[in-house]
C-alpha atoms as a PDB file:
ATOM      1  CA  UNK A   1      23.751  13.387  28.969  1.00  0.00           C
ATOM      2  CA  UNK A   2      21.119  15.011  30.871  1.00  0.00           C
ATOM      3  CA  UNK A   3      17.640  13.498  31.205  1.00  0.00           C
ATOM      4  CA  UNK A   4      16.179  15.817  28.848  1.00  0.00           C
ATOM      5  CA  UNK A   5      18.793  15.215  26.161  1.00  0.00           C
ATOM      6  CA  UNK A   6      18.486  11.295  26.951  1.00  0.00           C
ATOM      7  CA  UNK A   7      14.978  10.725  26.442  1.00  0.00           C
ATOM      8  CA  UNK A   8      15.106  12.678  23.318  1.00  0.00           C
ATOM      9  CA  UNK A   9      17.682  10.513  22.224  1.00  0.00           C
ATOM     10  CA  UNK A  10      15.327   7.081  23.276  1.00  0.00           C
ATOM     11  CA  UNK A  11      12.497   9.133  21.368  1.00  0.00           C
ATOM     12  CA  UNK A  12      14.312   9.304  18.096  1.00  0.00           C
ATOM     13  CA  UNK A  13      15.922   6.003  18.504  1.00  0.00           C
ATOM     14  CA  UNK A  14      12.191   4.430  19.191  1.00  0.00           C
ATOM     15  CA  UNK A  15      10.671   5.553  16.445  1.00  0.00           C
ATOM     16  CA  UNK A  16      13.869   4.896  14.217  1.00  0.00           C
ATOM     17  CA  UNK A  17      13.565   1.166  15.379  1.00  0.00           C
ATOM     18  CA  UNK A  18       9.706   1.370  14.720  1.00  0.00           C
ATOM     19  CA  UNK A  19      10.099   2.706  11.125  1.00  0.00           C
ATOM     20  CA  UNK A  20      12.986  -0.059  10.347  1.00  0.00           C
ATOM     21  CA  UNK A  21      10.696  -2.683  11.417  1.00  0.00           C
ATOM     22  CA  UNK A  22       7.838  -1.342   8.704  1.00  0.00           C
ATOM     23  CA  UNK A  23       6.069   0.738  11.037  1.00  0.00           C
ATOM     24  CA  UNK A  24       3.904  -1.996  12.952  1.00  0.00           C
ATOM     25  CA  UNK A  25       1.186  -1.246  14.870  1.00  0.00           C
ATOM     26  CA  UNK A  26       1.295  -1.964  18.868  1.00  0.00           C
ATOM     27  CA  UNK A  27       5.059  -2.589  19.101  1.00  0.00           C
ATOM     28  CA  UNK A  28       5.496   1.127  20.626  1.00  0.00           C
ATOM     29  CA  UNK A  29       6.702  -0.130  23.922  1.00  0.00           C
ATOM     30  CA  UNK A  30       8.721  -2.768  23.100  1.00  0.00           C
ATOM     31  CA  UNK A  31      10.815  -0.115  20.878  1.00  0.00           C
ATOM     32  CA  UNK A  32      10.946   2.158  23.553  1.00  0.00           C
ATOM     33  CA  UNK A  33      12.536  -0.172  25.548  1.00  0.00           C
ATOM     34  CA  UNK A  34      14.952  -1.497  23.327  1.00  0.00           C
ATOM     35  CA  UNK A  35      15.681   2.189  22.169  1.00  0.00           C
ATOM     36  CA  UNK A  36      16.537   3.013  25.860  1.00  0.00           C
ATOM     37  CA  UNK A  37      18.829   0.090  26.386  1.00  0.00           C
ATOM     38  CA  UNK A  38      20.579   0.952  23.209  1.00  0.00           C
ATOM     39  CA  UNK A  39      20.885   4.713  24.109  1.00  0.00           C
ATOM     40  CA  UNK A  40      22.018   3.661  28.113  1.00  0.00           C
ATOM     41  CA  UNK A  41      24.379   1.152  26.617  1.00  0.00           C
ATOM     42  CA  UNK A  42      25.650   4.074  24.068  1.00  0.00           C
ATOM     43  CA  UNK A  43      26.356   6.245  27.561  1.00  0.00           C
ATOM     44  CA  UNK A  44      28.152   3.368  29.344  1.00  0.00           C
ATOM     45  CA  UNK A  45      25.245   2.714  31.787  1.00  0.00           C
ATOM     46  CA  UNK A  46      23.750  -0.476  32.615  1.00  0.00           C
ATOM     47  CA  UNK A  47      20.088  -1.267  32.781  1.00  0.00           C
ATOM     48  CA  UNK A  48      18.858  -4.842  33.823  1.00  0.00           C
ATOM     49  CA  UNK A  49      17.518  -7.106  30.901  1.00  0.00           C
ATOM     50  CA  UNK A  50      13.896  -7.374  30.717  1.00  0.00           C
ATOM     51  CA  UNK A  51      11.708  -9.571  28.640  1.00  0.00           C
ATOM     52  CA  UNK A  52       9.021  -7.764  26.604  1.00  0.00           C
ATOM     53  CA  UNK A  53       6.473  -8.596  29.536  1.00  0.00           C
ATOM     54  CA  UNK A  54       8.325  -6.687  31.912  1.00  0.00           C
ATOM     55  CA  UNK A  55       9.158  -3.829  29.398  1.00  0.00           C
ATOM     56  CA  UNK A  56       5.372  -3.305  28.520  1.00  0.00           C
ATOM     57  CA  UNK A  57       4.360  -3.326  32.408  1.00  0.00           C
ATOM     58  CA  UNK A  58       7.242  -1.287  33.460  1.00  0.00           C
ATOM     59  CA  UNK A  59       6.832   1.279  30.696  1.00  0.00           C
ATOM     60  CA  UNK A  60       5.297   4.727  31.501  1.00  0.00           C
ATOM     61  CA  UNK A  61       5.338   6.797  28.061  1.00  0.00           C
ATOM     62  CA  UNK A  62       4.906   5.932  24.568  1.00  0.00           C
ATOM     63  CA  UNK A  63       7.259   7.080  22.027  1.00  0.00           C
ATOM     64  CA  UNK A  64       6.007   9.743  19.872  1.00  0.00           C
ATOM     65  CA  UNK A  65       7.069  10.878  16.332  1.00  0.00           C
ATOM     66  CA  UNK A  66       9.856  13.354  15.843  1.00  0.00           C
ATOM     67  CA  UNK A  67       7.833  17.164  15.320  1.00  0.00           C
ATOM     68  CA  UNK A  68       8.845  17.479  11.828  1.00  0.00           C
ATOM     69  CA  UNK A  69       6.396  14.324  11.124  1.00  0.00           C
ATOM     70  CA  UNK A  70       2.779  15.085   9.696  1.00  0.00           C
ATOM     71  CA  UNK A  71      -0.207  13.201  10.783  1.00  0.00           C
ATOM     72  CA  UNK A  72      -0.112  12.295   6.994  1.00  0.00           C
ATOM     73  CA  UNK A  73       2.944  10.466   7.440  1.00  0.00           C
ATOM     74  CA  UNK A  74       2.214   8.957  10.443  1.00  0.00           C
ATOM     75  CA  UNK A  75      -1.265   7.348   9.165  1.00  0.00           C
ATOM     76  CA  UNK A  76       0.192   5.634   6.233  1.00  0.00           C
ATOM     77  CA  UNK A  77       0.228   2.196   5.772  1.00  0.00           C
END
Protein backbone atom coordinates (compact mmCIF):
# COMPACT_ATOMS: atom_id res chain seq x y z
CA UNK A 1 0.00 0.00 0.00
CA UNK A 2 1.48 3.38 -0.94
CA UNK A 3 1.68 6.20 1.57
CA UNK A 4 -1.30 8.11 0.14
CA UNK A 5 -3.64 5.14 0.19
CA UNK A 6 -2.35 4.12 3.62
CA UNK A 7 -3.06 7.61 4.99
CA UNK A 8 -6.55 7.51 3.46
CA UNK A 9 -7.16 4.09 5.07
CA UNK A 10 -6.01 5.44 8.45
CA UNK A 11 -8.22 8.52 8.08
CA UNK A 12 -11.28 6.43 7.30
CA UNK A 13 -10.55 3.96 10.11
CA UNK A 14 -10.03 6.80 12.62
CA UNK A 15 -13.37 8.24 11.57
CA UNK A 16 -15.02 4.84 12.02
CA UNK A 17 -13.50 4.51 15.50
CA UNK A 18 -14.78 7.99 16.37
CA UNK A 19 -18.29 7.05 15.24
CA UNK A 20 -18.18 3.69 17.05
CA UNK A 21 -17.23 5.46 20.30
CA UNK A 22 -20.17 7.86 20.08
CA UNK A 23 -18.37 10.79 18.40
CA UNK A 24 -16.56 12.07 21.51
CA UNK A 25 -14.78 15.43 21.35
CA UNK A 26 -11.04 15.66 21.90
CA UNK A 27 -10.13 12.06 21.04
CA UNK A 28 -9.10 12.60 17.42
CA UNK A 29 -5.38 12.04 17.95
CA UNK A 30 -5.98 8.90 19.99
CA UNK A 31 -8.32 7.59 17.29
CA UNK A 32 -5.78 8.45 14.57
CA UNK A 33 -3.00 6.60 16.38
CA UNK A 34 -5.18 3.55 17.02
CA UNK A 35 -6.28 3.50 13.38
CA UNK A 36 -2.67 3.78 12.18
CA UNK A 37 -1.65 0.81 14.34
CA UNK A 38 -4.55 -1.27 13.00
CA UNK A 39 -3.79 -0.41 9.36
CA UNK A 40 -0.08 -1.14 9.80
CA UNK A 41 -0.92 -4.48 11.43
CA UNK A 42 -3.18 -5.36 8.50
CA UNK A 43 -0.32 -4.56 6.12
CA UNK A 44 2.04 -6.76 8.12
CA UNK A 45 4.10 -3.82 9.28
CA UNK A 46 5.16 -3.26 12.86
CA UNK A 47 4.88 -0.03 14.78
CA UNK A 48 6.13 0.24 18.35
CA UNK A 49 3.35 0.42 20.90
CA UNK A 50 2.89 3.87 22.41
CA UNK A 51 0.84 4.99 25.32
CA UNK A 52 -1.77 7.70 24.83
CA UNK A 53 0.58 10.52 25.90
CA UNK A 54 3.22 9.52 23.35
CA UNK A 55 0.57 9.24 20.64
CA UNK A 56 -0.63 12.76 21.35
CA UNK A 57 2.90 14.18 21.38
CA UNK A 58 3.96 12.50 18.16
CA UNK A 59 0.80 13.09 16.14
CA UNK A 60 1.28 15.62 13.38
CA UNK A 61 -2.17 15.78 11.82
CA UNK A 62 -5.69 15.25 13.01
CA UNK A 63 -8.10 13.01 11.17
CA UNK A 64 -10.75 14.63 9.05
CA UNK A 65 -14.19 13.33 8.27
CA UNK A 66 -14.61 11.71 4.86
CA UNK A 67 -15.54 14.21 2.13
CA UNK A 68 -19.13 12.94 1.84
CA UNK A 69 -19.91 14.01 5.42
CA UNK A 70 -21.69 17.36 5.56
CA UNK A 71 -20.93 20.05 8.12
CA UNK A 72 -24.37 19.52 9.67
CA UNK A 73 -23.61 15.84 10.25
CA UNK A 74 -20.24 16.61 11.84
CA UNK A 75 -21.78 18.97 14.37
CA UNK A 76 -24.55 16.63 15.52
CA UNK A 77 -24.41 15.83 19.26
